[in-house]
């Protein structure tokens, strides 16, 4: 039996599947510039100093507010909800 997950921002039924358009293919193997970001733990993280082989950063251009609708057409923008083909690979 499937358990229905409650969400403040349900996905529309007609949302297209994300498609990898190859626009980021040129980034493979490039060095990360010295960038320091705040972590959710309140620390600063220098991306250039990370030792992991692969690091995934999630950066959202907009966060919805519970009880308020998202901007019209927001769900139709590829990656706008933080779901990209690269994230599910």
PDB file of N, CA and C in Angstrom:
ATOM      1  N   UNK A   1       0.831  -1.174   0.000  1.00  0.00           N
ATOM      2  CA  UNK A   1       0.000   0.000   0.000  1.00  0.00           C
ATOM      3  C   UNK A   1       0.882   1.246   0.000  1.00  0.00           C
ATOM      4  N   UNK A   2       0.667   2.136  -0.955  1.00  0.00           N
ATOM      5  CA  UNK A   2       1.454   3.359  -1.055  1.00  0.00           C
ATOM      6  C   UNK A   2       1.004   4.359  -0.001  1.00  0.00           C
ATOM      7  N   UNK A   3       1.978   5.051   0.580  1.00  0.00           N
ATOM      8  CA  UNK A   3       1.685   6.091   1.555  1.00  0.00           C
ATOM      9  C   UNK A   3       1.719   7.420   0.837  1.00  0.00           C
ATOM     10  N   UNK A   4       0.638   8.197   0.957  1.00  0.00           N
ATOM     11  CA  UNK A   4       0.583   9.494   0.303  1.00  0.00           C
ATOM     12  C   UNK A   4       1.382  10.497   1.124  1.00  0.00           C
ATOM     13  N   UNK A   5       2.292  11.211   0.458  1.00  0.00           N
ATOM     14  CA  UNK A   5       3.124  12.186   1.141  1.00  0.00           C
ATOM     15  C   UNK A   5       2.457  13.545   1.092  1.00  0.00           C
ATOM     16  N   UNK A   6       2.348  14.198   2.229  1.00  0.00           N
ATOM     17  CA  UNK A   6       1.767  15.539   2.328  1.00  0.00           C
ATOM     18  C   UNK A   6       2.830  16.565   1.947  1.00  0.00           C
ATOM     19  N   UNK A   7       2.481  17.533   1.132  1.00  0.00           N
ATOM     20  CA  UNK A   7       3.437  18.577   0.762  1.00  0.00           C
ATOM     21  C   UNK A   7       2.706  19.903   0.638  1.00  0.00           C
ATOM     22  N   UNK A   8       3.406  20.995   0.969  1.00  0.00           N
ATOM     23  CA  UNK A   8       2.821  22.331   0.844  1.00  0.00           C
ATOM     24  C   UNK A   8       2.743  22.774  -0.607  1.00  0.00           C
ATOM     25  N   UNK A   9       3.595  22.180  -1.446  1.00  0.00           N
ATOM     26  CA  UNK A   9       3.651  22.568  -2.851  1.00  0.00           C
ATOM     27  C   UNK A   9       3.553  21.332  -3.733  1.00  0.00           C
ATOM     28  N   UNK A  10       2.361  20.769  -3.890  1.00  0.00           N
ATOM     29  CA  UNK A  10       2.230  19.552  -4.706  1.00  0.00           C
ATOM     30  C   UNK A  10       2.570  19.835  -6.166  1.00  0.00           C
ATOM     31  N   UNK A  11       3.150  18.826  -6.815  1.00  0.00           N
ATOM     32  CA  UNK A  11       3.475  18.950  -8.235  1.00  0.00           C
ATOM     33  C   UNK A  11       2.221  18.840  -9.081  1.00  0.00           C
ATOM     34  N   UNK A  12       2.110  19.651 -10.116  1.00  0.00           N
ATOM     35  CA  UNK A  12       0.972  19.518 -11.016  1.00  0.00           C
ATOM     36  C   UNK A  12       1.049  18.200 -11.778  1.00  0.00           C
ATOM     37  N   UNK A  13      -0.094  17.664 -12.144  1.00  0.00           N
ATOM     38  CA  UNK A  13      -0.151  16.367 -12.832  1.00  0.00           C
ATOM     39  C   UNK A  13       0.519  16.410 -14.202  1.00  0.00           C
ATOM     40  N   UNK A  14       0.528  17.564 -14.875  1.00  0.00           N
ATOM     41  CA  UNK A  14       1.044  17.661 -16.241  1.00  0.00           C
ATOM     42  C   UNK A  14       2.485  18.180 -16.301  1.00  0.00           C
ATOM     43  N   UNK A  15       3.234  18.104 -15.194  1.00  0.00           N
ATOM     44  CA  UNK A  15       4.605  18.606 -15.153  1.00  0.00           C
ATOM     45  C   UNK A  15       5.491  17.762 -16.063  1.00  0.00           C
ATOM     46  N   UNK A  16       6.216  18.396 -17.014  1.00  0.00           N
ATOM     47  CA  UNK A  16       7.063  17.608 -17.923  1.00  0.00           C
ATOM     48  C   UNK A  16       8.270  17.032 -17.184  1.00  0.00           C
ATOM     49  N   UNK A  17       8.762  15.892 -17.663  1.00  0.00           N
ATOM     50  CA  UNK A  17       9.968  15.294 -17.103  1.00  0.00           C
ATOM     51  C   UNK A  17      11.151  16.200 -17.437  1.00  0.00           C
ATOM     52  N   UNK A  18      12.095  16.378 -16.502  1.00  0.00           N
ATOM     53  CA  UNK A  18      13.270  17.192 -16.833  1.00  0.00           C
ATOM     54  C   UNK A  18      14.113  16.505 -17.906  1.00  0.00           C
ATOM     55  N   UNK A  19      14.690  17.299 -18.795  1.00  0.00           N
ATOM     56  CA  UNK A  19      15.501  16.782 -19.891  1.00  0.00           C
ATOM     57  C   UNK A  19      16.878  17.432 -19.798  1.00  0.00           C
ATOM     58  N   UNK A  20      17.926  16.615 -19.872  1.00  0.00           N
ATOM     59  CA  UNK A  20      19.292  17.136 -19.856  1.00  0.00           C
ATOM     60  C   UNK A  20      19.589  17.706 -21.232  1.00  0.00           C
ATOM     61  N   UNK A  21      19.743  19.040 -21.299  1.00  0.00           N
ATOM     62  CA  UNK A  21      19.985  19.685 -22.591  1.00  0.00           C
ATOM     63  C   UNK A  21      21.471  19.812 -22.921  1.00  0.00           C
ATOM     64  N   UNK A  22      22.343  19.324 -22.029  1.00  0.00           N
ATOM     65  CA  UNK A  22      23.775  19.351 -22.284  1.00  0.00           C
ATOM     66  C   UNK A  22      24.434  20.702 -22.048  1.00  0.00           C
ATOM     67  N   UNK A  23      23.679  21.686 -21.573  1.00  0.00           N
ATOM     68  CA  UNK A  23      24.220  23.039 -21.407  1.00  0.00           C
ATOM     69  C   UNK A  23      25.347  23.119 -20.383  1.00  0.00           C
ATOM     70  N   UNK A  24      25.442  22.137 -19.487  1.00  0.00           N
ATOM     71  CA  UNK A  24      26.504  22.161 -18.472  1.00  0.00           C
ATOM     72  C   UNK A  24      27.626  21.173 -18.769  1.00  0.00           C
ATOM     73  N   UNK A  25      27.596  20.535 -19.928  1.00  0.00           N
ATOM     74  CA  UNK A  25      28.608  19.524 -20.265  1.00  0.00           C
ATOM     75  C   UNK A  25      30.035  20.070 -20.218  1.00  0.00           C
ATOM     76  N   UNK A  26      30.205  21.334 -20.530  1.00  0.00           N
ATOM     77  CA  UNK A  26      31.543  21.932 -20.558  1.00  0.00           C
ATOM     78  C   UNK A  26      32.157  22.090 -19.166  1.00  0.00           C
ATOM     79  N   UNK A  27      31.359  21.919 -18.110  1.00  0.00           N
ATOM     80  CA  UNK A  27      31.855  22.102 -16.746  1.00  0.00           C
ATOM     81  C   UNK A  27      32.634  20.903 -16.219  1.00  0.00           C
ATOM     82  N   UNK A  28      32.480  19.743 -16.847  1.00  0.00           N
ATOM     83  CA  UNK A  28      33.161  18.529 -16.387  1.00  0.00           C
ATOM     84  C   UNK A  28      34.671  18.743 -16.417  1.00  0.00           C
ATOM     85  N   UNK A  29      35.317  18.494 -15.281  1.00  0.00           N
ATOM     86  CA  UNK A  29      36.764  18.603 -15.185  1.00  0.00           C
ATOM     87  C   UNK A  29      37.283  19.997 -14.889  1.00  0.00           C
ATOM     88  N   UNK A  30      36.413  21.004 -14.869  1.00  0.00           N
ATOM     89  CA  UNK A  30      36.865  22.365 -14.580  1.00  0.00           C
ATOM     90  C   UNK A  30      37.135  22.519 -13.082  1.00  0.00           C
ATOM     91  N   UNK A  31      38.083  23.384 -12.743  1.00  0.00           N
ATOM     92  CA  UNK A  31      38.372  23.681 -11.342  1.00  0.00           C
ATOM     93  C   UNK A  31      37.289  24.599 -10.775  1.00  0.00           C
ATOM     94  N   UNK A  32      36.954  24.372  -9.532  1.00  0.00           N
ATOM     95  CA  UNK A  32      35.971  25.225  -8.858  1.00  0.00           C
ATOM     96  C   UNK A  32      36.699  26.487  -8.377  1.00  0.00           C
ATOM     97  N   UNK A  33      36.164  27.660  -8.659  1.00  0.00           N
ATOM     98  CA  UNK A  33      36.819  28.878  -8.177  1.00  0.00           C
ATOM     99  C   UNK A  33      36.712  28.980  -6.655  1.00  0.00           C
ATOM    100  N   UNK A  34      37.534  29.812  -6.047  1.00  0.00           N
ATOM    101  CA  UNK A  34      37.491  29.991  -4.600  1.00  0.00           C
ATOM    102  C   UNK A  34      36.180  30.725  -4.258  1.00  0.00           C
ATOM    103  N   UNK A  35      35.247  29.959  -3.721  1.00  0.00           N
ATOM    104  CA  UNK A  35      33.943  30.485  -3.322  1.00  0.00           C
ATOM    105  C   UNK A  35      33.646  29.946  -1.932  1.00  0.00           C
ATOM    106  N   UNK A  36      33.240  30.817  -1.044  1.00  0.00           N
ATOM    107  CA  UNK A  36      32.901  30.412   0.315  1.00  0.00           C
ATOM    108  C   UNK A  36      31.412  30.648   0.527  1.00  0.00           C
ATOM    109  N   UNK A  37      30.710  29.588   0.920  1.00  0.00           N
ATOM    110  CA  UNK A  37      29.265  29.661   1.115  1.00  0.00           C
ATOM    111  C   UNK A  37      28.900  29.328   2.566  1.00  0.00           C
ATOM    112  N   UNK A  38      27.794  29.861   3.020  1.00  0.00           N
ATOM    113  CA  UNK A  38      27.295  29.521   4.354  1.00  0.00           C
ATOM    114  C   UNK A  38      26.609  28.171   4.302  1.00  0.00           C
ATOM    115  N   UNK A  39      26.882  27.328   5.286  1.00  0.00           N
ATOM    116  CA  UNK A  39      26.222  26.022   5.354  1.00  0.00           C
ATOM    117  C   UNK A  39      24.982  26.145   6.232  1.00  0.00           C
ATOM    118  N   UNK A  40      24.150  25.110   6.189  1.00  0.00           N
ATOM    119  CA  UNK A  40      22.961  25.100   7.043  1.00  0.00           C
ATOM    120  C   UNK A  40      23.349  24.985   8.514  1.00  0.00           C
ATOM    121  N   UNK A  41      24.589  24.571   8.788  1.00  0.00           N
ATOM    122  CA  UNK A  41      25.083  24.457  10.163  1.00  0.00           C
ATOM    123  C   UNK A  41      25.675  25.785  10.650  1.00  0.00           C
ATOM    124  N   UNK A  42      25.626  26.821   9.801  1.00  0.00           N
ATOM    125  CA  UNK A  42      26.128  28.128  10.195  1.00  0.00           C
ATOM    126  C   UNK A  42      27.621  28.316   9.987  1.00  0.00           C
ATOM    127  N   UNK A  43      28.279  27.363   9.347  1.00  0.00           N
ATOM    128  CA  UNK A  43      29.720  27.470   9.070  1.00  0.00           C
ATOM    129  C   UNK A  43      29.925  27.952   7.635  1.00  0.00           C
ATOM    130  N   UNK A  44      31.115  28.448   7.346  1.00  0.00           N
ATOM    131  CA  UNK A  44      31.490  28.818   5.985  1.00  0.00           C
ATOM    132  C   UNK A  44      32.201  27.631   5.356  1.00  0.00           C
ATOM    133  N   UNK A  45      31.878  27.325   4.111  1.00  0.00           N
ATOM    134  CA  UNK A  45      32.489  26.207   3.399  1.00  0.00           C
ATOM    135  C   UNK A  45      33.159  26.751   2.145  1.00  0.00           C
ATOM    136  N   UNK A  46      34.472  26.545   2.041  1.00  0.00           N
ATOM    137  CA  UNK A  46      35.224  26.955   0.862  1.00  0.00           C
ATOM    138  C   UNK A  46      35.157  25.802  -0.140  1.00  0.00           C
ATOM    139  N   UNK A  47      34.466  25.989  -1.237  1.00  0.00           N
ATOM    140  CA  UNK A  47      34.255  24.919  -2.214  1.00  0.00           C
ATOM    141  C   UNK A  47      35.566  24.390  -2.777  1.00  0.00           C
ATOM    142  N   UNK A  48      36.559  25.233  -2.905  1.00  0.00           N
ATOM    143  CA  UNK A  48      37.836  24.812  -3.458  1.00  0.00           C
ATOM    144  C   UNK A  48      38.581  23.849  -2.521  1.00  0.00           C
ATOM    145  N   UNK A  49      38.261  23.889  -1.239  1.00  0.00           N
ATOM    146  CA  UNK A  49      38.977  23.047  -0.273  1.00  0.00           C
ATOM    147  C   UNK A  49      38.290  21.696  -0.038  1.00  0.00           C
ATOM    148  N   UNK A  50      37.166  21.436  -0.678  1.00  0.00           N
ATOM    149  CA  UNK A  50      36.485  20.153  -0.495  1.00  0.00           C
ATOM    150  C   UNK A  50      37.308  19.038  -1.118  1.00  0.00           C
ATOM    151  N   UNK A  51      37.410  17.916  -0.413  1.00  0.00           N
ATOM    152  CA  UNK A  51      38.248  16.821  -0.906  1.00  0.00           C
ATOM    153  C   UNK A  51      37.447  15.702  -1.577  1.00  0.00           C
ATOM    154  N   UNK A  52      36.133  15.787  -1.558  1.00  0.00           N
ATOM    155  CA  UNK A  52      35.310  14.745  -2.164  1.00  0.00           C
ATOM    156  C   UNK A  52      35.503  14.723  -3.683  1.00  0.00           C
ATOM    157  N   UNK A  53      35.381  13.536  -4.263  1.00  0.00           N
ATOM    158  CA  UNK A  53      35.478  13.392  -5.708  1.00  0.00           C
ATOM    159  C   UNK A  53      34.339  14.122  -6.401  1.00  0.00           C
ATOM    160  N   UNK A  54      33.175  14.081  -5.777  1.00  0.00           N
ATOM    161  CA  UNK A  54      31.986  14.717  -6.353  1.00  0.00           C
ATOM    162  C   UNK A  54      31.213  15.398  -5.230  1.00  0.00           C
ATOM    163  N   UNK A  55      30.811  16.621  -5.477  1.00  0.00           N
ATOM    164  CA  UNK A  55      30.009  17.373  -4.516  1.00  0.00           C
ATOM    165  C   UNK A  55      28.804  17.933  -5.252  1.00  0.00           C
ATOM    166  N   UNK A  56      27.650  17.812  -4.646  1.00  0.00           N
ATOM    167  CA  UNK A  56      26.430  18.349  -5.250  1.00  0.00           C
ATOM    168  C   UNK A  56      25.956  19.507  -4.395  1.00  0.00           C
ATOM    169  N   UNK A  57      25.783  20.655  -5.023  1.00  0.00           N
ATOM    170  CA  UNK A  57      25.266  21.838  -4.338  1.00  0.00           C
ATOM    171  C   UNK A  57      23.864  22.112  -4.844  1.00  0.00           C
ATOM    172  N   UNK A  58      22.961  22.337  -3.933  1.00  0.00           N
ATOM    173  CA  UNK A  58      21.605  22.714  -4.298  1.00  0.00           C
ATOM    174  C   UNK A  58      21.425  24.190  -3.985  1.00  0.00           C
ATOM    175  N   UNK A  59      21.169  24.980  -4.993  1.00  0.00           N
ATOM    176  CA  UNK A  59      20.945  26.416  -4.840  1.00  0.00           C
ATOM    177  C   UNK A  59      19.590  26.729  -5.453  1.00  0.00           C
ATOM    178  N   UNK A  60      18.722  27.293  -4.670  1.00  0.00           N
ATOM    179  CA  UNK A  60      17.372  27.558  -5.129  1.00  0.00           C
ATOM    180  C   UNK A  60      17.170  29.042  -5.379  1.00  0.00           C
ATOM    181  N   UNK A  61      16.656  29.418  -6.545  1.00  0.00           N
ATOM    182  CA  UNK A  61      16.418  30.830  -6.844  1.00  0.00           C
ATOM    183  C   UNK A  61      15.207  31.395  -6.116  1.00  0.00           C
ATOM    184  N   UNK A  62      14.353  30.554  -5.599  1.00  0.00           N
ATOM    185  CA  UNK A  62      13.158  31.017  -4.898  1.00  0.00           C
ATOM    186  C   UNK A  62      12.682  29.915  -3.967  1.00  0.00           C
ATOM    187  N   UNK A  63      12.253  30.301  -2.803  1.00  0.00           N
ATOM    188  CA  UNK A  63      11.650  29.347  -1.878  1.00  0.00           C
ATOM    189  C   UNK A  63      10.207  29.774  -1.685  1.00  0.00           C
ATOM    190  N   UNK A  64       9.300  28.830  -1.843  1.00  0.00           N
ATOM    191  CA  UNK A  64       7.892  29.137  -1.657  1.00  0.00           C
ATOM    192  C   UNK A  64       7.560  29.365  -0.192  1.00  0.00           C
ATOM    193  N   UNK A  65       6.437  29.980   0.018  1.00  0.00           N
ATOM    194  CA  UNK A  65       5.940  30.248   1.366  1.00  0.00           C
ATOM    195  C   UNK A  65       4.696  29.387   1.571  1.00  0.00           C
ATOM    196  N   UNK A  66       4.687  28.532   2.601  1.00  0.00           N
ATOM    197  CA  UNK A  66       3.503  27.694   2.837  1.00  0.00           C
ATOM    198  C   UNK A  66       2.228  28.541   2.899  1.00  0.00           C
ATOM    199  N   UNK A  67       1.208  28.063   2.205  1.00  0.00           N
ATOM    200  CA  UNK A  67      -0.077  28.769   2.197  1.00  0.00           C
ATOM    201  C   UNK A  67      -0.198  29.818   1.105  1.00  0.00           C
ATOM    202  N   UNK A  68       0.898  30.101   0.391  1.00  0.00           N
ATOM    203  CA  UNK A  68       0.856  31.079  -0.699  1.00  0.00           C
ATOM    204  C   UNK A  68       1.234  30.360  -1.991  1.00  0.00           C
ATOM    205  N   UNK A  69       0.519  30.628  -3.068  1.00  0.00           N
ATOM    206  CA  UNK A  69       0.831  29.956  -4.334  1.00  0.00           C
ATOM    207  C   UNK A  69       2.159  30.438  -4.903  1.00  0.00           C
ATOM    208  N   UNK A  70       2.814  29.553  -5.654  1.00  0.00           N
ATOM    209  CA  UNK A  70       4.031  29.934  -6.361  1.00  0.00           C
ATOM    210  C   UNK A  70       3.657  30.854  -7.520  1.00  0.00           C
ATOM    211  N   UNK A  71       4.646  31.549  -8.062  1.00  0.00           N
ATOM    212  CA  UNK A  71       4.390  32.420  -9.199  1.00  0.00           C
ATOM    213  C   UNK A  71       3.796  31.620 -10.350  1.00  0.00           C
ATOM    214  N   UNK A  72       2.912  32.232 -11.112  1.00  0.00           N
ATOM    215  CA  UNK A  72       2.289  31.558 -12.246  1.00  0.00           C
ATOM    216  C   UNK A  72       3.356  31.086 -13.229  1.00  0.00           C
ATOM    217  N   UNK A  73       3.295  29.816 -13.613  1.00  0.00           N
ATOM    218  CA  UNK A  73       4.237  29.248 -14.562  1.00  0.00           C
ATOM    219  C   UNK A  73       5.534  28.760 -13.936  1.00  0.00           C
ATOM    220  N   UNK A  74       5.715  28.944 -12.637  1.00  0.00           N
ATOM    221  CA  UNK A  74       6.963  28.558 -11.965  1.00  0.00           C
ATOM    222  C   UNK A  74       7.288  27.080 -12.171  1.00  0.00           C
ATOM    223  N   UNK A  75       6.286  26.221 -12.024  1.00  0.00           N
ATOM    224  CA  UNK A  75       6.502  24.782 -12.140  1.00  0.00           C
ATOM    225  C   UNK A  75       6.939  24.356 -13.535  1.00  0.00           C
ATOM    226  N   UNK A  76       6.684  25.165 -14.536  1.00  0.00           N
ATOM    227  CA  UNK A  76       7.022  24.793 -15.902  1.00  0.00           C
ATOM    228  C   UNK A  76       8.458  25.188 -16.275  1.00  0.00           C
ATOM    229  N   UNK A  77       9.162  25.913 -15.402  1.00  0.00           N
ATOM    230  CA  UNK A  77      10.553  26.293 -15.657  1.00  0.00           C
ATOM    231  C   UNK A  77      11.437  25.095 -15.305  1.00  0.00           C
ATOM    232  N   UNK A  78      12.223  24.572 -16.245  1.00  0.00           N
ATOM    233  CA  UNK A  78      13.081  23.415 -15.943  1.00  0.00           C
ATOM    234  C   UNK A  78      14.016  23.698 -14.773  1.00  0.00           C
ATOM    235  N   UNK A  79      13.958  22.847 -13.754  1.00  0.00           N
ATOM    236  CA  UNK A  79      14.826  22.978 -12.597  1.00  0.00           C
ATOM    237  C   UNK A  79      14.360  23.955 -11.542  1.00  0.00           C
ATOM    238  N   UNK A  80      13.268  24.678 -11.776  1.00  0.00           N
ATOM    239  CA  UNK A  80      12.832  25.703 -10.834  1.00  0.00           C
ATOM    240  C   UNK A  80      12.498  25.134  -9.460  1.00  0.00           C
ATOM    241  N   UNK A  81      12.016  23.925  -9.398  1.00  0.00           N
ATOM    242  CA  UNK A  81      11.669  23.325  -8.118  1.00  0.00           C
ATOM    243  C   UNK A  81      12.856  22.593  -7.503  1.00  0.00           C
ATOM    244  N   UNK A  82      14.029  22.716  -8.110  1.00  0.00           N
ATOM    245  CA  UNK A  82      15.206  22.037  -7.583  1.00  0.00           C
ATOM    246  C   UNK A  82      15.340  20.616  -8.079  1.00  0.00           C
ATOM    247  N   UNK A  83      14.540  20.248  -9.068  1.00  0.00           N
ATOM    248  CA  UNK A  83      14.582  18.885  -9.607  1.00  0.00           C
ATOM    249  C   UNK A  83      15.151  18.955 -11.019  1.00  0.00           C
ATOM    250  N   UNK A  84      16.341  18.433 -11.184  1.00  0.00           N
ATOM    251  CA  UNK A  84      16.972  18.434 -12.489  1.00  0.00           C
ATOM    252  C   UNK A  84      17.368  17.008 -12.854  1.00  0.00           C
ATOM    253  N   UNK A  85      17.599  16.725 -14.116  1.00  0.00           N
ATOM    254  CA  UNK A  85      18.014  15.366 -14.499  1.00  0.00           C
ATOM    255  C   UNK A  85      19.304  14.966 -13.793  1.00  0.00           C
ATOM    256  N   UNK A  86      20.205  15.943 -13.551  1.00  0.00           N
ATOM    257  CA  UNK A  86      21.470  15.629 -12.911  1.00  0.00           C
ATOM    258  C   UNK A  86      21.268  15.165 -11.467  1.00  0.00           C
ATOM    259  N   UNK A  87      20.238  15.652 -10.788  1.00  0.00           N
ATOM    260  CA  UNK A  87      19.994  15.307  -9.393  1.00  0.00           C
ATOM    261  C   UNK A  87      19.495  13.880  -9.224  1.00  0.00           C
ATOM    262  N   UNK A  88      18.904  13.313 -10.253  1.00  0.00           N
ATOM    263  CA  UNK A  88      18.335  11.969 -10.121  1.00  0.00           C
ATOM    264  C   UNK A  88      19.243  10.894 -10.713  1.00  0.00           C
ATOM    265  N   UNK A  89      20.399  11.276 -11.215  1.00  0.00           N
ATOM    266  CA  UNK A  89      21.319  10.298 -11.805  1.00  0.00           C
ATOM    267  C   UNK A  89      22.073   9.569 -10.721  1.00  0.00           C
TER     268      UNK A  89
END
